[in-house]
Amino acid sequence: DASKRYPALVLTDAVWRFNDVAALFDAMEKGEAAPQFIITIGFEYDTDGWDNKVRANVFCDHKKEFLDFITDNMMPYLNRTYGFDTDDSTLFGHSQGGVFTHYAAFNFDRYKNKPFKNYIIGSPTFWTPYFTNVSDYEDYKDEYGFFGRNKTYDRNLFITAGDQEDSDYEEYYGDNDSTLEGVNHLKERLDGHKVTTYKVRIYSSHHYQYVSGMLLEYVAGK
């Protein structure tokens, strides 16, 4: 309906989300999910989008530039054509993408344009060597100074993980939090800042198996 505005659901890691997009579209066609724009961000076809080093170059090393692109270029460009409901639009990332959406969720205030009201932080791998080696790695532990710049938080956060995933990558943790420990510490920090607009859901799953079902539940409003 060209007279209406619909939310956008933006998914990082397009190569991982290929089947999810088809399932989400099918759910909308069947009336099982609210209509919305599904947008995936991937790489050129000659780039290996599965490779963690390639992904880390965007999600960890150049997270600011990636957020600049999404906020100031991609979303305004698409919005001019489609007209999004920015009060209900969502940015989703999982694993290293979850590290990025955490960064995006606590740096949106630095931008005049604010295309997202909601952020899904899926299994954030704050422990990954690709992230722990970046210069501002420690800044994630105080949400990149967001609460030094702002007194309140007015976005919605959905933080997810699998209850069995800590065993998947334990060889990489070292002195850092595991995924579930990182989620719990994030929850504690949000509670300390009296943030009430977040929800944590832990699925019966390893690292990524829950994501497809979670996205379907999300668009269905469950």
Protein backbone atom coordinates (compact mmCIF):
# COMPACT_ATOMS: atom_id res chain seq x y z
CA ASP A 1 0.00 0.00 0.00
CA ALA A 2 1.82 3.10 -1.24
CA SER A 3 -0.13 5.29 1.18
CA LYS A 4 1.32 3.51 4.22
CA ARG A 5 4.74 3.31 5.80
CA TYR A 6 6.17 -0.05 6.80
CA PRO A 7 9.06 -0.92 9.10
CA ALA A 8 12.39 -2.08 7.68
CA LEU A 9 14.22 -5.11 9.04
CA VAL A 10 17.89 -4.79 8.08
CA LEU A 11 19.96 -7.97 8.29
CA THR A 12 23.73 -8.05 8.18
CA ASP A 13 25.54 -11.14 6.84
CA ALA A 14 23.37 -11.65 3.75
CA VAL A 15 25.18 -14.89 2.90
CA TRP A 16 23.95 -16.37 6.20
CA ARG A 17 20.43 -14.98 5.88
CA PHE A 18 19.53 -16.24 2.40
CA ASN A 19 17.05 -18.88 3.57
CA ASP A 20 15.75 -16.63 6.34
CA VAL A 21 14.65 -13.97 3.85
CA ALA A 22 12.63 -16.55 1.93
CA ALA A 23 11.01 -17.80 5.15
CA LEU A 24 10.21 -14.27 6.32
CA PHE A 25 8.66 -13.38 2.97
CA ASP A 26 6.61 -16.58 3.03
CA ALA A 27 5.36 -15.76 6.55
CA MET A 28 4.27 -12.30 5.39
CA GLU A 29 2.46 -13.75 2.36
CA LYS A 30 0.57 -16.14 4.65
CA GLY A 31 -0.40 -13.35 7.02
CA GLU A 32 1.68 -14.85 9.82
CA ALA A 33 3.89 -11.77 10.09
CA ALA A 34 3.32 -8.05 9.73
CA PRO A 35 4.33 -6.63 6.33
CA GLN A 36 7.73 -5.00 6.33
CA PHE A 37 10.73 -4.40 4.13
CA ILE A 38 13.48 -7.03 4.44
CA ILE A 39 16.91 -5.63 3.58
CA THR A 40 20.12 -7.67 3.59
CA ILE A 41 23.64 -6.29 3.46
CA GLY A 42 26.26 -8.51 1.89
CA PHE A 43 29.48 -8.35 -0.08
CA GLU A 44 30.41 -8.37 -3.75
CA TYR A 45 30.13 -11.82 -5.31
CA ASP A 46 33.89 -12.11 -5.60
CA THR A 47 34.28 -11.61 -1.82
CA ASP A 48 33.98 -14.55 0.58
CA GLY A 49 31.24 -13.34 2.91
CA TRP A 50 31.58 -16.48 5.03
CA ASP A 51 35.14 -15.66 6.01
CA ASN A 52 35.42 -14.32 9.56
CA LYS A 53 38.42 -12.17 8.68
CA VAL A 54 36.43 -10.50 5.90
CA ARG A 55 33.45 -10.01 8.22
CA ALA A 56 35.64 -8.67 11.02
CA ASN A 57 37.08 -6.05 8.69
CA VAL A 58 33.59 -4.53 8.55
CA PHE A 59 32.01 -5.46 11.90
CA CYS A 60 35.06 -4.84 14.11
CA ASP A 61 37.84 -2.89 12.38
CA HIS A 62 35.59 -0.52 10.44
CA LYS A 63 32.39 -0.58 12.46
CA LYS A 64 32.16 3.23 12.49
CA GLU A 65 32.46 3.44 8.72
CA PHE A 66 29.90 0.67 8.30
CA LEU A 67 27.46 2.45 10.60
CA ASP A 68 28.13 5.71 8.72
CA PHE A 69 27.20 3.96 5.48
CA ILE A 70 24.00 2.42 6.85
CA THR A 71 22.87 5.57 8.67
CA ASP A 72 23.85 8.33 6.27
CA ASN A 73 23.80 6.60 2.89
CA MET A 74 21.90 3.32 2.57
CA MET A 75 18.84 4.02 4.71
CA PRO A 76 18.21 7.58 3.43
CA TYR A 77 18.64 6.35 -0.16
CA LEU A 78 16.14 3.52 0.28
CA ASN A 79 13.79 5.64 2.38
CA ARG A 80 13.39 8.11 -0.46
CA THR A 81 11.93 5.32 -2.59
CA TYR A 82 10.05 3.19 -0.09
CA GLY A 83 9.21 5.43 2.89
CA PHE A 84 10.05 3.44 6.02
CA ASP A 85 8.36 3.60 9.40
CA THR A 86 11.55 4.48 11.27
CA ASP A 87 9.73 4.33 14.61
CA ASP A 88 9.48 0.56 14.18
CA SER A 89 12.50 -0.35 12.03
CA THR A 90 15.13 -2.83 13.22
CA LEU A 91 18.83 -3.51 12.72
CA PHE A 92 19.89 -7.14 13.29
CA GLY A 93 23.32 -8.72 13.56
CA HIS A 94 24.56 -12.05 14.90
CA SER A 95 27.95 -13.17 16.23
CA GLN A 96 30.44 -10.57 14.95
CA GLY A 97 27.34 -8.91 13.52
CA GLY A 98 26.03 -8.83 17.10
CA VAL A 99 29.19 -6.99 18.14
CA PHE A 100 28.35 -4.48 15.42
CA THR A 101 24.68 -4.03 16.35
CA HIS A 102 25.74 -3.47 19.96
CA TYR A 103 28.04 -0.71 18.68
CA ALA A 104 25.25 0.72 16.52
CA ALA A 105 22.74 0.63 19.38
CA PHE A 106 24.97 2.78 21.56
CA ASN A 107 26.25 5.20 18.94
CA PHE A 108 23.01 6.13 17.17
CA ASP A 109 22.94 9.35 19.19
CA ARG A 110 25.96 10.65 17.28
CA TYR A 111 23.91 10.89 14.06
CA LYS A 112 21.27 13.37 12.97
CA ASN A 113 19.52 10.63 11.01
CA LYS A 114 18.14 7.85 13.23
CA PRO A 115 16.69 5.11 11.01
CA PHE A 116 16.22 2.45 13.72
CA LYS A 117 14.14 2.24 16.86
CA ASN A 118 14.99 -1.41 17.49
CA TYR A 119 18.23 -3.40 17.62
CA ILE A 120 18.68 -7.18 17.79
CA ILE A 121 22.02 -8.07 19.35
CA GLY A 122 22.43 -11.77 18.53
CA SER A 123 25.08 -13.83 20.36
CA PRO A 124 27.62 -10.98 20.45
CA THR A 125 31.15 -12.43 20.31
CA PHE A 126 32.91 -9.74 22.31
CA TRP A 127 35.66 -12.33 22.83
CA THR A 128 36.59 -12.90 19.20
CA PRO A 129 40.28 -12.22 18.49
CA TYR A 130 39.25 -10.03 15.57
CA PHE A 131 37.48 -7.70 18.01
CA THR A 132 39.83 -7.86 21.00
CA ASN A 133 42.65 -6.61 18.78
CA VAL A 134 40.95 -3.38 17.66
CA SER A 135 42.11 -0.15 19.29
CA ASP A 136 38.80 0.71 21.00
CA TYR A 137 38.00 -2.84 22.11
CA GLU A 138 37.58 -1.96 25.80
CA ASP A 139 35.02 0.75 24.97
CA TYR A 140 32.26 -1.82 24.53
CA LYS A 141 32.36 -2.42 28.29
CA ASP A 142 30.80 0.97 28.98
CA GLU A 143 28.61 1.02 25.84
CA TYR A 144 31.04 3.35 24.07
CA GLY A 145 30.41 6.13 26.57
CA PHE A 146 26.73 6.42 25.68
CA PHE A 147 25.61 7.08 29.26
CA GLY A 148 28.27 9.73 29.68
CA ARG A 149 26.65 11.57 26.76
CA ASN A 150 23.01 10.78 27.62
CA LYS A 151 20.90 10.42 30.74
CA THR A 152 18.32 8.02 29.28
CA TYR A 153 18.02 5.36 26.59
CA ASP A 154 15.04 5.43 24.22
CA ARG A 155 15.72 2.54 21.80
CA ASN A 156 14.49 -1.05 22.12
CA LEU A 157 17.02 -3.86 22.50
CA PHE A 158 16.45 -7.56 21.93
CA ILE A 159 19.49 -9.52 23.13
CA THR A 160 19.67 -13.20 22.24
CA ALA A 161 21.95 -16.23 22.61
CA GLY A 162 21.88 -20.02 22.76
CA ASP A 163 22.17 -21.78 26.09
CA GLN A 164 24.60 -24.36 24.68
CA GLU A 165 26.87 -22.07 22.70
CA ASP A 166 29.60 -21.34 25.24
CA SER A 167 31.11 -24.77 24.59
CA ASP A 168 31.32 -24.05 20.85
CA TYR A 169 34.22 -21.60 21.00
CA GLU A 170 35.73 -21.97 24.48
CA GLU A 171 39.24 -22.30 23.04
CA TYR A 172 39.09 -18.61 22.06
CA TYR A 173 37.86 -16.99 25.30
CA GLY A 174 41.10 -16.72 27.25
CA ASP A 175 40.59 -14.05 29.93
CA ASN A 176 37.57 -12.60 28.12
CA ASP A 177 33.90 -13.25 28.77
CA SER A 178 32.27 -16.13 26.95
CA THR A 179 29.22 -15.22 24.86
CA LEU A 180 26.74 -15.92 27.66
CA GLU A 181 28.93 -14.15 30.21
CA GLY A 182 29.10 -11.14 27.89
CA VAL A 183 25.31 -11.10 27.58
CA ASN A 184 24.88 -11.32 31.35
CA HIS A 185 27.36 -8.50 31.95
CA LEU A 186 25.61 -6.36 29.34
CA LYS A 187 22.32 -6.99 31.15
CA GLU A 188 23.91 -5.97 34.46
CA ARG A 189 25.22 -2.73 32.97
CA LEU A 190 21.85 -1.88 31.43
CA ASP A 191 20.15 -2.53 34.78
CA GLY A 192 22.74 -0.29 36.43
CA HIS A 193 21.76 2.53 34.06
CA LYS A 194 18.07 1.81 34.70
CA VAL A 195 17.39 0.89 31.08
CA THR A 196 13.96 -0.73 30.84
CA THR A 197 13.62 -1.01 27.06
CA TYR A 198 15.50 -4.25 26.62
CA LYS A 199 14.67 -7.95 26.60
CA VAL A 200 17.01 -10.93 26.84
CA ARG A 201 15.99 -14.32 25.46
CA ILE A 202 18.18 -17.39 25.74
CA TYR A 203 17.20 -20.18 23.35
CA SER A 204 17.84 -23.90 23.62
CA SER A 205 20.52 -23.90 20.95
CA HIS A 206 24.16 -23.70 20.02
CA HIS A 207 25.62 -20.54 18.46
CA TYR A 208 23.46 -19.96 15.40
CA GLN A 209 20.79 -22.65 15.09
CA TYR A 210 18.15 -20.57 16.87
CA VAL A 211 18.43 -17.53 14.59
CA SER A 212 15.96 -18.56 11.86
CA GLY A 213 13.19 -19.35 14.33
CA MET A 214 13.96 -16.24 16.35
CA LEU A 215 13.58 -13.98 13.31
CA LEU A 216 10.23 -15.56 12.42
CA GLU A 217 9.02 -15.05 15.99
CA TYR A 218 10.26 -11.47 15.90
CA VAL A 219 8.38 -10.46 12.74
CA ALA A 220 5.29 -12.24 14.08
CA GLY A 221 5.51 -10.10 17.23
CA LYS A 222 6.00 -13.05 19.58
